[in-house]
Amino acid sequence: MSFIWSWLRAVFSVTALWLGPRNHWGWLVGAFGQGLWIIYALSTRQYGFLISALAVGSAYLHNFKRAKKLHAKRVIQQAASLALAGVEP
């Protein structure tokens, strides 16, 4: 079981780091992955992982909110430039 947990945690962490800068949903994947670290920390009584997961998870959520705002801003700017060019969206 430990083998599966370690792979799940690794997959979520690597996916989040790879997707995050490209797509705002990647940061949410990372935040979800931190939930796995929290479960691991509580089940093994390694509370240092709990503190780490909470800190990293909050950073992932912060990055998600920031990236989502930037994405919305880009969509609005793109729609405005298309409207100025006379192109229907």
C-alpha atoms as a PDB file:
ATOM      1  CA  MET A   1       0.000   0.000   0.000  1.00  0.00           C
ATOM      2  CA  SER A   2       2.850   2.371   0.792  1.00  0.00           C
ATOM      3  CA  PHE A   3       4.149   1.843  -2.740  1.00  0.00           C
ATOM      4  CA  ILE A   4       0.846   3.014  -4.248  1.00  0.00           C
ATOM      5  CA  TRP A   5       0.655   6.057  -1.967  1.00  0.00           C
ATOM      6  CA  SER A   6       4.148   7.177  -2.872  1.00  0.00           C
ATOM      7  CA  TRP A   7       3.374   6.928  -6.598  1.00  0.00           C
ATOM      8  CA  LEU A   8       0.052   8.765  -6.227  1.00  0.00           C
ATOM      9  CA  ARG A   9       1.692  11.598  -4.338  1.00  0.00           C
ATOM     10  CA  ALA A  10       4.473  11.808  -6.903  1.00  0.00           C
ATOM     11  CA  VAL A  11       2.070  11.826  -9.859  1.00  0.00           C
ATOM     12  CA  PHE A  12      -0.015  14.646  -8.404  1.00  0.00           C
ATOM     13  CA  SER A  13       3.036  16.714  -7.477  1.00  0.00           C
ATOM     14  CA  VAL A  14       4.793  16.357 -10.825  1.00  0.00           C
ATOM     15  CA  THR A  15       1.571  16.914 -12.791  1.00  0.00           C
ATOM     16  CA  ALA A  16       0.862  20.086 -10.838  1.00  0.00           C
ATOM     17  CA  LEU A  17       4.346  21.468 -11.403  1.00  0.00           C
ATOM     18  CA  TRP A  18       4.199  20.622 -15.104  1.00  0.00           C
ATOM     19  CA  LEU A  19       0.648  21.892 -15.694  1.00  0.00           C
ATOM     20  CA  GLY A  20       0.612  24.844 -13.307  1.00  0.00           C
ATOM     21  CA  PRO A  21       2.508  27.397 -15.385  1.00  0.00           C
ATOM     22  CA  ARG A  22       0.636  26.321 -18.533  1.00  0.00           C
ATOM     23  CA  ASN A  23      -2.899  25.969 -17.219  1.00  0.00           C
ATOM     24  CA  HIS A  24      -4.472  27.388 -14.076  1.00  0.00           C
ATOM     25  CA  TRP A  25      -6.103  24.029 -13.287  1.00  0.00           C
ATOM     26  CA  GLY A  26      -2.674  22.517 -12.682  1.00  0.00           C
ATOM     27  CA  TRP A  27      -2.396  24.421  -9.413  1.00  0.00           C
ATOM     28  CA  LEU A  28      -5.691  22.906  -8.275  1.00  0.00           C
ATOM     29  CA  VAL A  29      -4.327  19.439  -9.063  1.00  0.00           C
ATOM     30  CA  GLY A  30      -1.396  20.279  -6.807  1.00  0.00           C
ATOM     31  CA  ALA A  31      -3.680  21.414  -3.990  1.00  0.00           C
ATOM     32  CA  PHE A  32      -5.595  18.136  -4.260  1.00  0.00           C
ATOM     33  CA  GLY A  33      -2.312  16.243  -4.166  1.00  0.00           C
ATOM     34  CA  GLN A  34      -1.483  17.919  -0.881  1.00  0.00           C
ATOM     35  CA  GLY A  35      -4.609  16.283   0.508  1.00  0.00           C
ATOM     36  CA  LEU A  36      -2.855  12.964  -0.100  1.00  0.00           C
ATOM     37  CA  TRP A  37       0.116  14.230   1.900  1.00  0.00           C
ATOM     38  CA  ILE A  38      -2.225  15.231   4.721  1.00  0.00           C
ATOM     39  CA  ILE A  39      -3.754  11.738   4.782  1.00  0.00           C
ATOM     40  CA  TYR A  40      -0.271  10.238   4.759  1.00  0.00           C
ATOM     41  CA  ALA A  41       0.926  12.512   7.583  1.00  0.00           C
ATOM     42  CA  LEU A  42      -2.050  11.686   9.781  1.00  0.00           C
ATOM     43  CA  SER A  43      -2.008   7.951   9.091  1.00  0.00           C
ATOM     44  CA  THR A  44       1.728   7.636   9.804  1.00  0.00           C
ATOM     45  CA  ARG A  45       1.763  10.230  12.597  1.00  0.00           C
ATOM     46  CA  GLN A  46       4.477  12.203  10.826  1.00  0.00           C
ATOM     47  CA  TYR A  47       3.143  15.648  11.592  1.00  0.00           C
ATOM     48  CA  GLY A  48       5.953  17.504   9.865  1.00  0.00           C
ATOM     49  CA  PHE A  49       4.412  16.387   6.571  1.00  0.00           C
ATOM     50  CA  LEU A  50       1.106  17.862   7.735  1.00  0.00           C
ATOM     51  CA  ILE A  51       2.611  21.310   8.248  1.00  0.00           C
ATOM     52  CA  SER A  52       4.420  21.072   4.931  1.00  0.00           C
ATOM     53  CA  ALA A  53       1.296  19.947   3.060  1.00  0.00           C
ATOM     54  CA  LEU A  54      -0.756  22.790   4.502  1.00  0.00           C
ATOM     55  CA  ALA A  55       1.887  25.362   3.533  1.00  0.00           C
ATOM     56  CA  VAL A  56       2.409  23.977   0.023  1.00  0.00           C
ATOM     57  CA  GLY A  57      -1.337  23.489  -0.472  1.00  0.00           C
ATOM     58  CA  SER A  58      -2.005  27.118   0.416  1.00  0.00           C
ATOM     59  CA  ALA A  59       0.665  28.184  -2.095  1.00  0.00           C
ATOM     60  CA  TYR A  60      -0.979  26.029  -4.781  1.00  0.00           C
ATOM     61  CA  LEU A  61      -4.386  27.576  -4.015  1.00  0.00           C
ATOM     62  CA  HIS A  62      -2.883  31.072  -4.123  1.00  0.00           C
ATOM     63  CA  ASN A  63      -1.281  30.327  -7.500  1.00  0.00           C
ATOM     64  CA  PHE A  64      -4.593  28.888  -8.774  1.00  0.00           C
ATOM     65  CA  LYS A  65      -6.490  32.072  -7.857  1.00  0.00           C
ATOM     66  CA  ARG A  66      -3.804  34.296  -9.377  1.00  0.00           C
ATOM     67  CA  ALA A  67      -3.560  32.252 -12.588  1.00  0.00           C
ATOM     68  CA  LYS A  68      -7.350  32.120 -12.935  1.00  0.00           C
ATOM     69  CA  LYS A  69      -7.517  35.926 -12.745  1.00  0.00           C
ATOM     70  CA  LEU A  70      -4.777  36.234 -15.372  1.00  0.00           C
ATOM     71  CA  HIS A  71      -6.600  33.757 -17.613  1.00  0.00           C
ATOM     72  CA  ALA A  72      -9.859  35.722 -17.325  1.00  0.00           C
ATOM     73  CA  LYS A  73      -7.997  38.941 -18.088  1.00  0.00           C
ATOM     74  CA  ARG A  74      -6.434  37.391 -21.217  1.00  0.00           C
ATOM     75  CA  VAL A  75      -9.826  36.144 -22.424  1.00  0.00           C
ATOM     76  CA  ILE A  76     -11.340  39.614 -22.014  1.00  0.00           C
ATOM     77  CA  GLN A  77      -8.406  41.258 -23.803  1.00  0.00           C
ATOM     78  CA  GLN A  78      -8.644  38.749 -26.643  1.00  0.00           C
ATOM     79  CA  ALA A  79     -12.396  39.317 -27.006  1.00  0.00           C
ATOM     80  CA  ALA A  80     -11.868  43.094 -27.005  1.00  0.00           C
ATOM     81  CA  SER A  81      -9.174  42.897 -29.693  1.00  0.00           C
ATOM     82  CA  LEU A  82     -11.410  40.680 -31.840  1.00  0.00           C
ATOM     83  CA  ALA A  83     -14.274  43.135 -31.424  1.00  0.00           C
ATOM     84  CA  LEU A  84     -12.037  46.027 -32.464  1.00  0.00           C
ATOM     85  CA  ALA A  85     -10.998  44.057 -35.524  1.00  0.00           C
ATOM     86  CA  GLY A  86     -14.660  43.471 -36.400  1.00  0.00           C
ATOM     87  CA  VAL A  87     -14.467  39.722 -35.874  1.00  0.00           C
ATOM     88  CA  GLU A  88     -17.368  37.982 -34.155  1.00  0.00           C
ATOM     89  CA  PRO A  89     -16.277  35.728 -31.270  1.00  0.00           C
END
